[in-house]
Amino acid sequence: MTLQFTNELTPALLAAMDQSPFTAEQLAEMSSEARALVAEQAAFCRQHPVNAIYRLAVAGCLTRRGGTGVEFNPGQKEGCRIRLADGERASVLTEGCTVVYPDGTQARIVSSAGKRNRLHGRGVALVGSRLDNGDEIISTPQGSSLIVGREGVPVPDDFLKMPGA
């Protein structure tokens, strides 16, 4: 079975998010304007700590009821695919993509990251996205791409909302 990732915010993941991407040497080589921008961003992160993550759902994601997300469009452009830990590439799923169950039934993804995060005119599916049969995506085989929620920073009104909700 392929390794799966959830939206669990573990202490190790949280600690990694709190680390600066810059070394002391890199900061020393930056202009004063760039260092000020880095400091401003660090202050924002301290004031608004990470309180949630939402991983992008890709082909091979799993649902609570045993469904599996299927390849969206094998011929799509490179930017719409994510490289998995095993080196394989998987399509990023969107609203309207199909989930197939072991008995052959299917469902469609109906909630996503919303209008601000559109991929080819459709919201990007996440772990936590709902399906038209009431099921929910609970894990994804990719562990590198996620949206971060921060304390005191609201998400868009349509974030992971069901149509008509």
C-alpha atoms as a PDB file:
ATOM      1  CA  MET A   1       0.000   0.000   0.000  1.00  0.00           C
ATOM      2  CA  THR A   2       1.192   3.508  -0.827  1.00  0.00           C
ATOM      3  CA  LEU A   3       2.195   5.746   2.068  1.00  0.00           C
ATOM      4  CA  GLN A   4      -0.684   8.088   2.987  1.00  0.00           C
ATOM      5  CA  PHE A   5      -0.643  11.473   4.738  1.00  0.00           C
ATOM      6  CA  THR A   6      -3.410  13.106   6.784  1.00  0.00           C
ATOM      7  CA  ASN A   7      -4.051  16.636   8.043  1.00  0.00           C
ATOM      8  CA  GLU A   8      -2.689  15.722  11.478  1.00  0.00           C
ATOM      9  CA  LEU A   9      -0.557  18.587  12.772  1.00  0.00           C
ATOM     10  CA  THR A  10       2.180  16.617  14.542  1.00  0.00           C
ATOM     11  CA  PRO A  11       4.789  18.196  16.842  1.00  0.00           C
ATOM     12  CA  ALA A  12       7.526  17.295  14.319  1.00  0.00           C
ATOM     13  CA  LEU A  13       5.663  18.968  11.450  1.00  0.00           C
ATOM     14  CA  LEU A  14       4.896  22.011  13.577  1.00  0.00           C
ATOM     15  CA  ALA A  15       8.567  22.305  14.603  1.00  0.00           C
ATOM     16  CA  ALA A  16       9.663  22.112  10.964  1.00  0.00           C
ATOM     17  CA  MET A  17       7.223  24.895  10.036  1.00  0.00           C
ATOM     18  CA  ASP A  18       8.641  27.135  12.750  1.00  0.00           C
ATOM     19  CA  GLN A  19      12.190  26.916  11.390  1.00  0.00           C
ATOM     20  CA  SER A  20      13.497  29.709   9.204  1.00  0.00           C
ATOM     21  CA  PRO A  21      14.277  28.652   5.638  1.00  0.00           C
ATOM     22  CA  PHE A  22      17.373  30.882   5.777  1.00  0.00           C
ATOM     23  CA  THR A  23      20.736  30.253   7.404  1.00  0.00           C
ATOM     24  CA  ALA A  24      22.549  32.992   9.289  1.00  0.00           C
ATOM     25  CA  GLU A  25      24.959  33.240   6.345  1.00  0.00           C
ATOM     26  CA  GLN A  26      22.115  33.680   3.862  1.00  0.00           C
ATOM     27  CA  LEU A  27      20.551  36.399   6.006  1.00  0.00           C
ATOM     28  CA  ALA A  28      23.898  38.201   6.282  1.00  0.00           C
ATOM     29  CA  GLU A  29      24.205  38.251   2.479  1.00  0.00           C
ATOM     30  CA  MET A  30      20.729  39.752   1.982  1.00  0.00           C
ATOM     31  CA  SER A  31      20.019  43.424   1.503  1.00  0.00           C
ATOM     32  CA  SER A  32      18.630  45.299   4.493  1.00  0.00           C
ATOM     33  CA  GLU A  33      15.242  45.468   2.719  1.00  0.00           C
ATOM     34  CA  ALA A  34      15.181  41.692   2.244  1.00  0.00           C
ATOM     35  CA  ARG A  35      16.182  41.076   5.882  1.00  0.00           C
ATOM     36  CA  ALA A  36      13.415  43.449   7.005  1.00  0.00           C
ATOM     37  CA  LEU A  37      10.898  41.497   4.920  1.00  0.00           C
ATOM     38  CA  VAL A  38      12.089  38.191   6.418  1.00  0.00           C
ATOM     39  CA  ALA A  39      11.832  39.673   9.933  1.00  0.00           C
ATOM     40  CA  GLU A  40       8.334  40.992   9.199  1.00  0.00           C
ATOM     41  CA  GLN A  41       7.217  37.560   8.001  1.00  0.00           C
ATOM     42  CA  ALA A  42       8.756  35.888  11.074  1.00  0.00           C
ATOM     43  CA  ALA A  43       6.882  38.317  13.351  1.00  0.00           C
ATOM     44  CA  PHE A  44       3.619  37.543  11.533  1.00  0.00           C
ATOM     45  CA  CYS A  45       4.229  33.812  12.012  1.00  0.00           C
ATOM     46  CA  ARG A  46       4.870  34.294  15.749  1.00  0.00           C
ATOM     47  CA  GLN A  47       1.665  36.340  16.119  1.00  0.00           C
ATOM     48  CA  HIS A  48      -0.366  33.838  14.085  1.00  0.00           C
ATOM     49  CA  PRO A  49       0.923  30.335  14.840  1.00  0.00           C
ATOM     50  CA  VAL A  50      -0.021  27.427  12.607  1.00  0.00           C
ATOM     51  CA  ASN A  51      -3.194  25.761  13.900  1.00  0.00           C
ATOM     52  CA  ALA A  52      -4.187  23.566  10.942  1.00  0.00           C
ATOM     53  CA  ILE A  53      -2.926  22.048   7.718  1.00  0.00           C
ATOM     54  CA  TYR A  54      -4.827  20.936   4.643  1.00  0.00           C
ATOM     55  CA  ARG A  55      -2.961  18.601   2.277  1.00  0.00           C
ATOM     56  CA  LEU A  56      -3.701  18.654  -1.450  1.00  0.00           C
ATOM     57  CA  ALA A  57      -5.573  15.542  -2.558  1.00  0.00           C
ATOM     58  CA  VAL A  58      -4.030  13.677  -5.474  1.00  0.00           C
ATOM     59  CA  ALA A  59      -4.895  10.515  -7.393  1.00  0.00           C
ATOM     60  CA  GLY A  60      -4.623   7.628  -4.945  1.00  0.00           C
ATOM     61  CA  CYS A  61      -6.166   9.569  -2.043  1.00  0.00           C
ATOM     62  CA  LEU A  62      -8.444   7.576   0.253  1.00  0.00           C
ATOM     63  CA  THR A  63     -11.884   8.272   1.698  1.00  0.00           C
ATOM     64  CA  ARG A  64     -13.446   7.349   5.016  1.00  0.00           C
ATOM     65  CA  ARG A  65     -15.687   4.756   3.294  1.00  0.00           C
ATOM     66  CA  GLY A  66     -12.873   3.073   1.335  1.00  0.00           C
ATOM     67  CA  GLY A  67     -12.954   4.993  -1.939  1.00  0.00           C
ATOM     68  CA  THR A  68      -9.861   5.927  -3.946  1.00  0.00           C
ATOM     69  CA  GLY A  69      -9.374   9.116  -5.958  1.00  0.00           C
ATOM     70  CA  VAL A  70      -8.628   8.357  -9.607  1.00  0.00           C
ATOM     71  CA  GLU A  71      -6.260   9.967 -12.086  1.00  0.00           C
ATOM     72  CA  PHE A  72      -7.862  13.234 -13.193  1.00  0.00           C
ATOM     73  CA  ASN A  73      -6.306  13.685 -16.623  1.00  0.00           C
ATOM     74  CA  PRO A  74      -3.163  11.710 -17.434  1.00  0.00           C
ATOM     75  CA  GLY A  75      -2.353  14.090 -20.318  1.00  0.00           C
ATOM     76  CA  GLN A  76      -2.527  17.309 -18.319  1.00  0.00           C
ATOM     77  CA  LYS A  77       0.326  19.775 -18.042  1.00  0.00           C
ATOM     78  CA  GLU A  78       3.271  19.076 -15.720  1.00  0.00           C
ATOM     79  CA  GLY A  79       2.221  21.812 -13.269  1.00  0.00           C
ATOM     80  CA  CYS A  80      -0.932  19.895 -12.338  1.00  0.00           C
ATOM     81  CA  ARG A  81       0.925  16.848 -11.058  1.00  0.00           C
ATOM     82  CA  ILE A  82       2.898  16.239  -7.871  1.00  0.00           C
ATOM     83  CA  ARG A  83       5.876  13.939  -7.461  1.00  0.00           C
ATOM     84  CA  LEU A  84       5.290  11.372  -4.726  1.00  0.00           C
ATOM     85  CA  ALA A  85       7.968  10.042  -2.357  1.00  0.00           C
ATOM     86  CA  ASP A  86       8.386   6.932  -4.559  1.00  0.00           C
ATOM     87  CA  GLY A  87       9.167   9.121  -7.602  1.00  0.00           C
ATOM     88  CA  GLU A  88       5.814   8.552  -9.306  1.00  0.00           C
ATOM     89  CA  ARG A  89       3.716  11.553 -10.320  1.00  0.00           C
ATOM     90  CA  ALA A  90       0.039  11.931  -9.427  1.00  0.00           C
ATOM     91  CA  SER A  91      -2.639  14.321 -10.663  1.00  0.00           C
ATOM     92  CA  VAL A  92      -3.832  17.031  -8.313  1.00  0.00           C
ATOM     93  CA  LEU A  93      -7.580  16.437  -7.883  1.00  0.00           C
ATOM     94  CA  THR A  94     -10.222  19.146  -8.138  1.00  0.00           C
ATOM     95  CA  GLU A  95     -13.947  19.562  -7.623  1.00  0.00           C
ATOM     96  CA  GLY A  96     -15.748  17.170  -9.923  1.00  0.00           C
ATOM     97  CA  CYS A  97     -13.037  14.502  -9.920  1.00  0.00           C
ATOM     98  CA  THR A  98     -14.081  10.908  -9.365  1.00  0.00           C
ATOM     99  CA  VAL A  99     -13.607   8.598  -6.409  1.00  0.00           C
ATOM    100  CA  VAL A 100     -14.132   4.875  -7.066  1.00  0.00           C
ATOM    101  CA  TYR A 101     -15.156   2.329  -4.420  1.00  0.00           C
ATOM    102  CA  PRO A 102     -14.212  -1.363  -4.290  1.00  0.00           C
ATOM    103  CA  ASP A 103     -17.740  -2.327  -5.394  1.00  0.00           C
ATOM    104  CA  GLY A 104     -17.391  -0.186  -8.544  1.00  0.00           C
ATOM    105  CA  THR A 105     -19.641   2.673  -7.437  1.00  0.00           C
ATOM    106  CA  GLN A 106     -18.403   6.223  -7.889  1.00  0.00           C
ATOM    107  CA  ALA A 107     -18.754   9.610  -6.243  1.00  0.00           C
ATOM    108  CA  ARG A 108     -17.638  13.134  -7.182  1.00  0.00           C
ATOM    109  CA  ILE A 109     -15.644  15.613  -5.103  1.00  0.00           C
ATOM    110  CA  VAL A 110     -17.899  18.587  -4.305  1.00  0.00           C
ATOM    111  CA  SER A 111     -15.933  20.775  -1.865  1.00  0.00           C
ATOM    112  CA  SER A 112     -12.491  22.298  -2.284  1.00  0.00           C
ATOM    113  CA  ALA A 113     -10.055  25.027  -1.362  1.00  0.00           C
ATOM    114  CA  GLY A 114     -12.412  27.492  -3.004  1.00  0.00           C
ATOM    115  CA  LYS A 115     -12.399  30.202  -5.606  1.00  0.00           C
ATOM    116  CA  ARG A 116      -9.033  31.677  -4.676  1.00  0.00           C
ATOM    117  CA  ASN A 117      -7.190  28.430  -5.348  1.00  0.00           C
ATOM    118  CA  ARG A 118      -8.517  27.447  -8.771  1.00  0.00           C
ATOM    119  CA  LEU A 119      -6.883  24.877 -11.027  1.00  0.00           C
ATOM    120  CA  HIS A 120      -8.347  24.925 -14.530  1.00  0.00           C
ATOM    121  CA  GLY A 121     -11.478  26.675 -13.236  1.00  0.00           C
ATOM    122  CA  ARG A 122     -12.136  24.242 -10.390  1.00  0.00           C
ATOM    123  CA  GLY A 123     -11.283  24.396  -6.708  1.00  0.00           C
ATOM    124  CA  VAL A 124      -8.385  22.195  -5.574  1.00  0.00           C
ATOM    125  CA  ALA A 125      -9.447  19.116  -3.572  1.00  0.00           C
ATOM    126  CA  LEU A 126      -7.930  18.656  -0.117  1.00  0.00           C
ATOM    127  CA  VAL A 127      -7.845  16.075   2.611  1.00  0.00           C
ATOM    128  CA  GLY A 128     -11.152  17.057   4.208  1.00  0.00           C
ATOM    129  CA  SER A 129     -12.983  17.625   0.912  1.00  0.00           C
ATOM    130  CA  ARG A 130     -16.496  16.141   0.772  1.00  0.00           C
ATOM    131  CA  LEU A 131     -18.033  13.936  -1.886  1.00  0.00           C
ATOM    132  CA  ASP A 132     -21.548  14.018  -3.317  1.00  0.00           C
ATOM    133  CA  ASN A 133     -22.394  10.806  -1.428  1.00  0.00           C
ATOM    134  CA  GLY A 134     -21.495  12.311   1.974  1.00  0.00           C
ATOM    135  CA  ASP A 135     -18.071  10.647   2.141  1.00  0.00           C
ATOM    136  CA  GLU A 136     -14.858  12.574   2.908  1.00  0.00           C
ATOM    137  CA  ILE A 137     -11.246  12.401   1.724  1.00  0.00           C
ATOM    138  CA  ILE A 138      -9.145  11.378   4.752  1.00  0.00           C
ATOM    139  CA  SER A 139      -5.621  10.923   3.342  1.00  0.00           C
ATOM    140  CA  THR A 140      -3.444  11.507   0.289  1.00  0.00           C
ATOM    141  CA  PRO A 141      -0.284   9.839  -1.019  1.00  0.00           C
ATOM    142  CA  GLN A 142       1.587  13.140  -1.232  1.00  0.00           C
ATOM    143  CA  GLY A 143       3.162  14.737   1.810  1.00  0.00           C
ATOM    144  CA  SER A 144       4.777  17.862   0.397  1.00  0.00           C
ATOM    145  CA  SER A 145       2.010  20.247  -0.705  1.00  0.00           C
ATOM    146  CA  LEU A 146      -0.362  21.748   1.810  1.00  0.00           C
ATOM    147  CA  ILE A 147      -2.255  24.860   2.771  1.00  0.00           C
ATOM    148  CA  VAL A 148      -1.495  26.244   6.217  1.00  0.00           C
ATOM    149  CA  GLY A 149      -4.140  27.609   8.584  1.00  0.00           C
ATOM    150  CA  ARG A 150      -3.032  30.220  11.110  1.00  0.00           C
ATOM    151  CA  GLU A 151      -4.552  31.373  14.367  1.00  0.00           C
ATOM    152  CA  GLY A 152      -6.475  34.616  13.846  1.00  0.00           C
ATOM    153  CA  VAL A 153      -6.347  34.409  10.039  1.00  0.00           C
ATOM    154  CA  PRO A 154      -9.760  33.499   8.589  1.00  0.00           C
ATOM    155  CA  VAL A 155     -10.130  31.121   5.655  1.00  0.00           C
ATOM    156  CA  PRO A 156     -12.237  32.195   2.657  1.00  0.00           C
ATOM    157  CA  ASP A 157     -15.987  31.758   3.097  1.00  0.00           C
ATOM    158  CA  ASP A 158     -16.145  28.961   0.511  1.00  0.00           C
ATOM    159  CA  PHE A 159     -13.166  26.976   1.863  1.00  0.00           C
ATOM    160  CA  LEU A 160     -14.213  23.287   1.985  1.00  0.00           C
ATOM    161  CA  LYS A 161     -17.897  24.273   1.910  1.00  0.00           C
ATOM    162  CA  MET A 162     -20.484  22.067   0.263  1.00  0.00           C
ATOM    163  CA  PRO A 163     -22.355  23.647  -2.663  1.00  0.00           C
ATOM    164  CA  GLY A 164     -25.396  25.516  -1.400  1.00  0.00           C
ATOM    165  CA  ALA A 165     -24.088  25.553   2.177  1.00  0.00           C
END
